[in-house]
């Protein structure tokens, strides 16, 4: 008895009886059909792998762009902070010079 749920199992007690009822022609057809399914699965896996690689590349590109934008914003913040420090230092110099 063959169970085609998530786990495939054979009932070995009835295997000999089952094998005796199946002709060589039926087994050959079943093997050919199985080989066709294997080829289809391979094609599917190749296509799925290609799509996955493409999706990962797109996602990596998007993340790289975000990283670059964040770095640019970080640099802008640093520049603004440096300008504020310079402005503060200048204002302090003016304050002390005027006193």
C-alpha atoms as a PDB file:
ATOM      1  CA  UNK A   1       0.000   0.000   0.000  1.00  0.00           C
ATOM      2  CA  UNK A   2       1.402   3.398  -0.961  1.00  0.00           C
ATOM      3  CA  UNK A   3       0.615   6.418   1.172  1.00  0.00           C
ATOM      4  CA  UNK A   4       0.956   9.646  -0.836  1.00  0.00           C
ATOM      5  CA  UNK A   5       0.584  12.131   1.998  1.00  0.00           C
ATOM      6  CA  UNK A   6       3.553  14.188   3.141  1.00  0.00           C
ATOM      7  CA  UNK A   7       5.502  11.017   3.977  1.00  0.00           C
ATOM      8  CA  UNK A   8       5.705   8.218   1.408  1.00  0.00           C
ATOM      9  CA  UNK A   9       5.687   4.760   2.884  1.00  0.00           C
ATOM     10  CA  UNK A  10       5.275   1.223   1.578  1.00  0.00           C
ATOM     11  CA  UNK A  11       3.492  -1.611   3.278  1.00  0.00           C
ATOM     12  CA  UNK A  12       6.204  -4.262   2.917  1.00  0.00           C
ATOM     13  CA  UNK A  13       3.846  -7.103   3.922  1.00  0.00           C
ATOM     14  CA  UNK A  14       1.778  -6.542   0.805  1.00  0.00           C
ATOM     15  CA  UNK A  15       4.665  -5.448  -1.431  1.00  0.00           C
ATOM     16  CA  UNK A  16       5.220  -8.888  -2.969  1.00  0.00           C
ATOM     17  CA  UNK A  17       1.505  -9.283  -3.675  1.00  0.00           C
ATOM     18  CA  UNK A  18       1.337  -5.777  -5.156  1.00  0.00           C
ATOM     19  CA  UNK A  19       4.417  -6.377  -7.327  1.00  0.00           C
ATOM     20  CA  UNK A  20       2.866  -9.565  -8.680  1.00  0.00           C
ATOM     21  CA  UNK A  21      -0.239  -7.674  -9.837  1.00  0.00           C
ATOM     22  CA  UNK A  22       1.698  -5.008 -11.755  1.00  0.00           C
ATOM     23  CA  UNK A  23       2.883  -5.787 -15.256  1.00  0.00           C
ATOM     24  CA  UNK A  24       6.240  -4.768 -16.649  1.00  0.00           C
ATOM     25  CA  UNK A  25       4.463  -2.443 -19.076  1.00  0.00           C
ATOM     26  CA  UNK A  26       2.667  -0.675 -16.232  1.00  0.00           C
ATOM     27  CA  UNK A  27       5.925  -0.309 -14.323  1.00  0.00           C
ATOM     28  CA  UNK A  28       7.634   1.078 -17.432  1.00  0.00           C
ATOM     29  CA  UNK A  29       4.838   3.629 -17.929  1.00  0.00           C
ATOM     30  CA  UNK A  30       5.003   4.583 -14.261  1.00  0.00           C
ATOM     31  CA  UNK A  31       8.788   5.021 -14.472  1.00  0.00           C
ATOM     32  CA  UNK A  32       8.475   7.141 -17.626  1.00  0.00           C
ATOM     33  CA  UNK A  33       5.848   9.304 -15.958  1.00  0.00           C
ATOM     34  CA  UNK A  34       8.052   9.585 -12.879  1.00  0.00           C
ATOM     35  CA  UNK A  35      11.013  10.642 -15.052  1.00  0.00           C
ATOM     36  CA  UNK A  36       8.845  13.302 -16.738  1.00  0.00           C
ATOM     37  CA  UNK A  37       7.830  14.609 -13.322  1.00  0.00           C
ATOM     38  CA  UNK A  38      11.468  14.684 -12.223  1.00  0.00           C
ATOM     39  CA  UNK A  39      12.396  16.713 -15.335  1.00  0.00           C
ATOM     40  CA  UNK A  40       9.513  19.122 -14.704  1.00  0.00           C
ATOM     41  CA  UNK A  41      10.592  19.506 -11.081  1.00  0.00           C
ATOM     42  CA  UNK A  42      14.166  20.212 -12.172  1.00  0.00           C
ATOM     43  CA  UNK A  43      12.938  22.887 -14.617  1.00  0.00           C
ATOM     44  CA  UNK A  44      10.762  24.377 -11.905  1.00  0.00           C
ATOM     45  CA  UNK A  45      13.667  24.434  -9.447  1.00  0.00           C
ATOM     46  CA  UNK A  46      15.980  26.032 -12.010  1.00  0.00           C
ATOM     47  CA  UNK A  47      13.366  28.694 -12.794  1.00  0.00           C
ATOM     48  CA  UNK A  48      12.584  29.256  -9.115  1.00  0.00           C
ATOM     49  CA  UNK A  49      16.290  29.524  -8.309  1.00  0.00           C
ATOM     50  CA  UNK A  50      16.767  32.034 -11.126  1.00  0.00           C
ATOM     51  CA  UNK A  51      13.816  34.102  -9.929  1.00  0.00           C
ATOM     52  CA  UNK A  52      15.089  33.944  -6.369  1.00  0.00           C
ATOM     53  CA  UNK A  53      18.543  35.134  -7.445  1.00  0.00           C
ATOM     54  CA  UNK A  54      16.941  37.953  -9.427  1.00  0.00           C
ATOM     55  CA  UNK A  55      14.755  38.956  -6.465  1.00  0.00           C
ATOM     56  CA  UNK A  56      17.754  38.871  -4.133  1.00  0.00           C
ATOM     57  CA  UNK A  57      19.743  41.061  -6.513  1.00  0.00           C
ATOM     58  CA  UNK A  58      16.876  43.576  -6.693  1.00  0.00           C
ATOM     59  CA  UNK A  59      16.601  43.589  -2.889  1.00  0.00           C
ATOM     60  CA  UNK A  60      20.378  43.986  -2.501  1.00  0.00           C
ATOM     61  CA  UNK A  61      20.326  46.934  -4.915  1.00  0.00           C
ATOM     62  CA  UNK A  62      17.465  48.541  -2.979  1.00  0.00           C
ATOM     63  CA  UNK A  63      19.298  48.066   0.325  1.00  0.00           C
ATOM     64  CA  UNK A  64      22.514  49.481  -1.160  1.00  0.00           C
ATOM     65  CA  UNK A  65      20.594  52.560  -2.310  1.00  0.00           C
ATOM     66  CA  UNK A  66      19.102  52.993   1.163  1.00  0.00           C
ATOM     67  CA  UNK A  67      22.540  52.590   2.716  1.00  0.00           C
ATOM     68  CA  UNK A  68      23.920  55.280   0.400  1.00  0.00           C
ATOM     69  CA  UNK A  69      21.031  57.615   1.235  1.00  0.00           C
ATOM     70  CA  UNK A  70      21.572  57.078   4.963  1.00  0.00           C
ATOM     71  CA  UNK A  71      25.291  57.719   4.596  1.00  0.00           C
ATOM     72  CA  UNK A  72      24.560  60.933   2.676  1.00  0.00           C
ATOM     73  CA  UNK A  73      22.110  62.079   5.395  1.00  0.00           C
ATOM     74  CA  UNK A  74      24.667  61.194   8.071  1.00  0.00           C
ATOM     75  CA  UNK A  75      27.299  63.272   6.280  1.00  0.00           C
ATOM     76  CA  UNK A  76      24.854  66.191   6.032  1.00  0.00           C
ATOM     77  CA  UNK A  77      24.153  65.987   9.767  1.00  0.00           C
ATOM     78  CA  UNK A  78      27.856  65.953  10.558  1.00  0.00           C
ATOM     79  CA  UNK A  79      28.401  68.989   8.320  1.00  0.00           C
ATOM     80  CA  UNK A  80      25.514  70.853   9.957  1.00  0.00           C
ATOM     81  CA  UNK A  81      26.850  70.018  13.416  1.00  0.00           C
ATOM     82  CA  UNK A  82      30.314  71.220  12.422  1.00  0.00           C
ATOM     83  CA  UNK A  83      28.814  74.437  11.052  1.00  0.00           C
ATOM     84  CA  UNK A  84      26.881  74.944  14.300  1.00  0.00           C
ATOM     85  CA  UNK A  85      30.055  74.422  16.315  1.00  0.00           C
ATOM     86  CA  UNK A  86      31.920  76.912  14.123  1.00  0.00           C
ATOM     87  CA  UNK A  87      29.042  79.414  14.426  1.00  0.00           C
ATOM     88  CA  UNK A  88      29.032  78.963  18.192  1.00  0.00           C
ATOM     89  CA  UNK A  89      32.796  79.435  18.392  1.00  0.00           C
ATOM     90  CA  UNK A  90      32.562  82.566  16.234  1.00  0.00           C
ATOM     91  CA  UNK A  91      29.767  83.991  18.351  1.00  0.00           C
ATOM     92  CA  UNK A  92      31.773  83.311  21.516  1.00  0.00           C
ATOM     93  CA  UNK A  93      34.788  85.088  20.018  1.00  0.00           C
ATOM     94  CA  UNK A  94      32.636  88.067  19.115  1.00  0.00           C
ATOM     95  CA  UNK A  95      31.150  88.052  22.618  1.00  0.00           C
ATOM     96  CA  UNK A  96      34.551  87.992  24.333  1.00  0.00           C
ATOM     97  CA  UNK A  97      36.095  90.511  21.953  1.00  0.00           C
ATOM     98  CA  UNK A  98      33.242  92.947  22.540  1.00  0.00           C
ATOM     99  CA  UNK A  99      33.647  92.744  26.325  1.00  0.00           C
END
